[in-house]
Structure formats: C-alpha cells, structure tokens
Amino acid sequence: MKLFLLMRPEEFGSNWDTTMGFVLRAENEAKARKLAADKTHGDEGRDPWLDPHLVTCTEILVDGPEEVILCDFLAG
C-alpha cells in the first residue's frame, strides 16, 4: 500500500463546512480518490475528490527528509 496526500485548493469555493485534505493509504491514486470521496463529510460532496482538475493527489514517499506532511489550518 502507498500513502497519498489529497488537497483541495482554497480557491475551490467555500472553506466552511468542507473537507480540505486527506492523508490516506491505498493501492493507487484512483483508489485513494475513491476513498476520499467516500469519507468526506463536507458540503463539497464526493465529485471534487474524484476530479484531478479540482483536487491534487500526491504520493507520499516513506523515505525522505524530516518534514511536515500536512498542516491544514483555517482561521476564521
């Protein structure tokens, strides 16, 4: 299994009551997107998580430098 980071850009729309990102484990990008779509609780619905034009999907490599993978901060 691989780790994936899925992120929705802020300009996608309303940032209230929406999911902004996921870190999840899946076999491939297609399965990662489907899992995110199935697990979202936000007003954005399932479709954006399946569309590569609306949500980025990056494989997270296990090897690499020490770094922050996700800091999803929204001040309001």
N, C-alpha and C. Protein backbone atom coordinates (compact mmCIF):
# COMPACT_ATOMS: atom_id res chain seq x y z
N MET A 1 0.84 -1.19 0.00
CA MET A 1 0.00 0.00 0.00
C MET A 1 0.88 1.25 0.00
N LYS A 2 0.32 2.32 -0.52
CA LYS A 2 1.02 3.60 -0.59
C LYS A 2 0.25 4.64 0.22
N LEU A 3 0.95 5.72 0.60
CA LEU A 3 0.30 6.85 1.26
C LEU A 3 0.10 7.96 0.25
N PHE A 4 -1.06 8.62 0.32
CA PHE A 4 -1.37 9.72 -0.59
C PHE A 4 -1.85 10.93 0.19
N LEU A 5 -1.49 12.10 -0.32
CA LEU A 5 -1.96 13.38 0.20
C LEU A 5 -2.89 13.97 -0.85
N LEU A 6 -4.15 14.16 -0.50
CA LEU A 6 -5.12 14.80 -1.38
C LEU A 6 -5.47 16.15 -0.78
N MET A 7 -5.33 17.21 -1.58
CA MET A 7 -5.58 18.57 -1.09
C MET A 7 -6.50 19.32 -2.05
N ARG A 8 -7.43 20.02 -1.47
CA ARG A 8 -8.35 20.87 -2.23
C ARG A 8 -7.85 22.30 -2.12
N PRO A 9 -7.61 22.99 -3.25
CA PRO A 9 -7.13 24.38 -3.16
C PRO A 9 -8.19 25.30 -2.58
N GLU A 10 -7.75 26.34 -1.88
CA GLU A 10 -8.68 27.29 -1.26
C GLU A 10 -9.62 27.93 -2.27
N GLU A 11 -9.13 28.18 -3.46
CA GLU A 11 -9.97 28.86 -4.45
C GLU A 11 -11.07 27.96 -5.00
N PHE A 12 -11.14 26.72 -4.54
CA PHE A 12 -12.17 25.78 -4.97
C PHE A 12 -13.58 26.27 -4.60
N GLY A 13 -13.68 27.02 -3.54
CA GLY A 13 -15.01 27.50 -3.14
C GLY A 13 -15.05 27.76 -1.65
N SER A 14 -16.22 27.66 -1.09
CA SER A 14 -16.42 27.92 0.33
C SER A 14 -15.50 27.04 1.17
N ASN A 15 -14.84 27.64 2.14
CA ASN A 15 -13.96 26.88 3.02
C ASN A 15 -14.64 26.53 4.34
N TRP A 16 -15.90 26.80 4.45
CA TRP A 16 -16.64 26.48 5.67
C TRP A 16 -17.43 25.20 5.44
N ASP A 17 -17.41 24.32 6.42
CA ASP A 17 -18.14 23.05 6.35
C ASP A 17 -17.71 22.21 5.16
N THR A 18 -16.41 22.24 4.86
CA THR A 18 -15.88 21.44 3.78
C THR A 18 -14.60 20.73 4.24
N THR A 19 -14.30 19.63 3.61
CA THR A 19 -13.05 18.92 3.86
C THR A 19 -11.99 19.52 2.97
N MET A 20 -10.82 19.84 3.55
CA MET A 20 -9.75 20.48 2.78
C MET A 20 -8.69 19.49 2.32
N GLY A 21 -8.53 18.38 3.04
CA GLY A 21 -7.49 17.44 2.63
C GLY A 21 -7.58 16.12 3.37
N PHE A 22 -6.90 15.14 2.82
CA PHE A 22 -6.80 13.80 3.41
C PHE A 22 -5.37 13.32 3.30
N VAL A 23 -4.93 12.53 4.26
CA VAL A 23 -3.76 11.67 4.12
C VAL A 23 -4.32 10.27 4.31
N LEU A 24 -4.12 9.41 3.30
CA LEU A 24 -4.72 8.09 3.40
C LEU A 24 -3.86 7.04 2.72
N ARG A 25 -4.17 5.78 2.98
CA ARG A 25 -3.41 4.65 2.44
C ARG A 25 -4.29 3.95 1.41
N ALA A 26 -3.72 3.68 0.23
CA ALA A 26 -4.44 2.98 -0.84
C ALA A 26 -3.43 2.35 -1.80
N GLU A 27 -3.93 1.48 -2.68
CA GLU A 27 -3.07 0.83 -3.67
C GLU A 27 -2.58 1.78 -4.74
N ASN A 28 -3.47 2.72 -5.15
CA ASN A 28 -3.11 3.64 -6.24
C ASN A 28 -3.95 4.92 -6.12
N GLU A 29 -3.67 5.87 -7.01
CA GLU A 29 -4.35 7.17 -6.94
C GLU A 29 -5.87 7.04 -7.11
N ALA A 30 -6.30 6.22 -8.03
CA ALA A 30 -7.74 6.07 -8.27
C ALA A 30 -8.45 5.58 -7.00
N LYS A 31 -7.85 4.61 -6.33
CA LYS A 31 -8.46 4.09 -5.10
C LYS A 31 -8.38 5.11 -3.98
N ALA A 32 -7.29 5.90 -3.95
CA ALA A 32 -7.16 6.96 -2.95
C ALA A 32 -8.26 8.00 -3.13
N ARG A 33 -8.49 8.40 -4.37
CA ARG A 33 -9.55 9.38 -4.65
C ARG A 33 -10.93 8.84 -4.28
N LYS A 34 -11.19 7.58 -4.58
CA LYS A 34 -12.49 7.00 -4.24
C LYS A 34 -12.67 6.94 -2.72
N LEU A 35 -11.61 6.56 -2.01
CA LEU A 35 -11.69 6.50 -0.55
C LEU A 35 -11.97 7.88 0.03
N ALA A 36 -11.29 8.91 -0.48
CA ALA A 36 -11.54 10.28 -0.02
C ALA A 36 -12.98 10.68 -0.32
N ALA A 37 -13.46 10.37 -1.52
CA ALA A 37 -14.84 10.70 -1.89
C ALA A 37 -15.84 10.01 -0.96
N ASP A 38 -15.54 8.77 -0.58
CA ASP A 38 -16.44 8.01 0.30
C ASP A 38 -16.41 8.52 1.73
N LYS A 39 -15.31 9.16 2.14
CA LYS A 39 -15.14 9.56 3.54
C LYS A 39 -15.37 11.04 3.81
N THR A 40 -15.58 11.84 2.77
CA THR A 40 -15.79 13.27 3.01
C THR A 40 -17.10 13.51 3.76
N HIS A 41 -17.08 14.50 4.63
CA HIS A 41 -18.28 14.87 5.39
C HIS A 41 -18.69 16.30 5.06
N GLY A 42 -18.02 16.89 4.08
CA GLY A 42 -18.23 18.31 3.80
C GLY A 42 -19.31 18.57 2.76
N ASP A 43 -19.65 19.85 2.67
CA ASP A 43 -20.66 20.30 1.72
C ASP A 43 -20.21 20.18 0.27
N GLU A 44 -18.91 19.95 0.04
CA GLU A 44 -18.42 19.88 -1.33
C GLU A 44 -18.88 18.60 -2.04
N GLY A 45 -19.27 17.59 -1.28
CA GLY A 45 -19.72 16.34 -1.88
C GLY A 45 -18.58 15.47 -2.36
N ARG A 46 -18.93 14.40 -3.04
CA ARG A 46 -17.96 13.39 -3.47
C ARG A 46 -17.17 13.79 -4.72
N ASP A 47 -17.83 14.42 -5.68
CA ASP A 47 -17.26 14.61 -7.02
C ASP A 47 -15.90 15.30 -7.07
N PRO A 48 -15.65 16.37 -6.31
CA PRO A 48 -14.34 17.03 -6.41
C PRO A 48 -13.17 16.10 -6.11
N TRP A 49 -13.34 15.18 -5.18
CA TRP A 49 -12.24 14.29 -4.79
C TRP A 49 -11.87 13.32 -5.91
N LEU A 50 -12.77 13.11 -6.84
CA LEU A 50 -12.52 12.20 -7.96
C LEU A 50 -11.93 12.92 -9.17
N ASP A 51 -11.91 14.25 -9.16
CA ASP A 51 -11.50 15.05 -10.32
C ASP A 51 -10.10 15.63 -10.13
N PRO A 52 -9.11 15.20 -10.92
CA PRO A 52 -7.74 15.70 -10.77
C PRO A 52 -7.58 17.18 -11.12
N HIS A 53 -8.56 17.79 -11.76
CA HIS A 53 -8.51 19.23 -12.04
C HIS A 53 -8.92 20.06 -10.84
N LEU A 54 -9.59 19.44 -9.86
CA LEU A 54 -10.08 20.16 -8.69
C LEU A 54 -9.31 19.83 -7.41
N VAL A 55 -8.74 18.64 -7.33
CA VAL A 55 -8.05 18.20 -6.12
C VAL A 55 -6.72 17.55 -6.52
N THR A 56 -5.63 17.98 -5.90
CA THR A 56 -4.33 17.37 -6.17
C THR A 56 -4.20 16.06 -5.38
N CYS A 57 -3.45 15.14 -5.95
CA CYS A 57 -3.16 13.87 -5.28
C CYS A 57 -1.68 13.58 -5.45
N THR A 58 -0.97 13.52 -4.34
CA THR A 58 0.48 13.31 -4.36
C THR A 58 0.83 12.10 -3.53
N GLU A 59 1.60 11.18 -4.10
CA GLU A 59 2.06 10.04 -3.32
C GLU A 59 3.09 10.52 -2.31
N ILE A 60 2.95 10.09 -1.07
CA ILE A 60 3.89 10.42 -0.01
C ILE A 60 4.90 9.29 0.08
N LEU A 61 6.15 9.60 -0.20
CA LEU A 61 7.19 8.58 -0.13
C LEU A 61 7.62 8.37 1.32
N VAL A 62 7.87 7.14 1.67
CA VAL A 62 8.28 6.82 3.04
C VAL A 62 9.67 7.36 3.32
N ASP A 63 10.57 7.20 2.36
CA ASP A 63 11.93 7.71 2.52
C ASP A 63 11.98 9.17 2.13
N GLY A 64 12.75 9.93 2.88
CA GLY A 64 12.89 11.35 2.56
C GLY A 64 13.29 12.11 3.80
N PRO A 65 13.39 13.43 3.66
CA PRO A 65 13.81 14.26 4.79
C PRO A 65 12.70 14.37 5.82
N GLU A 66 13.09 14.76 7.02
CA GLU A 66 12.11 15.05 8.07
C GLU A 66 11.31 16.28 7.62
N GLU A 67 10.00 16.18 7.61
CA GLU A 67 9.17 17.28 7.13
C GLU A 67 7.74 17.15 7.65
N VAL A 68 7.01 18.26 7.61
CA VAL A 68 5.59 18.25 7.91
C VAL A 68 4.87 17.82 6.63
N ILE A 69 4.01 16.85 6.71
CA ILE A 69 3.26 16.37 5.55
C ILE A 69 1.98 17.18 5.38
N LEU A 70 1.28 17.46 6.46
CA LEU A 70 0.01 18.19 6.36
C LEU A 70 -0.17 19.07 7.58
N CYS A 71 -0.42 20.35 7.34
CA CYS A 71 -0.85 21.29 8.37
C CYS A 71 -2.02 22.04 7.75
N ASP A 72 -3.23 21.63 8.06
CA ASP A 72 -4.45 22.18 7.44
C ASP A 72 -5.07 23.15 8.42
N PHE A 73 -4.64 24.43 8.37
CA PHE A 73 -5.05 25.46 9.30
C PHE A 73 -5.97 26.44 8.59
N LEU A 74 -7.11 26.72 9.19
CA LEU A 74 -8.05 27.67 8.63
C LEU A 74 -8.50 28.60 9.73
N ALA A 75 -8.10 29.86 9.65
CA ALA A 75 -8.51 30.83 10.65
C ALA A 75 -9.82 31.47 10.20
N GLY A 76 -10.71 31.71 11.14
CA GLY A 76 -11.97 32.30 10.70
C GLY A 76 -12.69 33.05 11.75
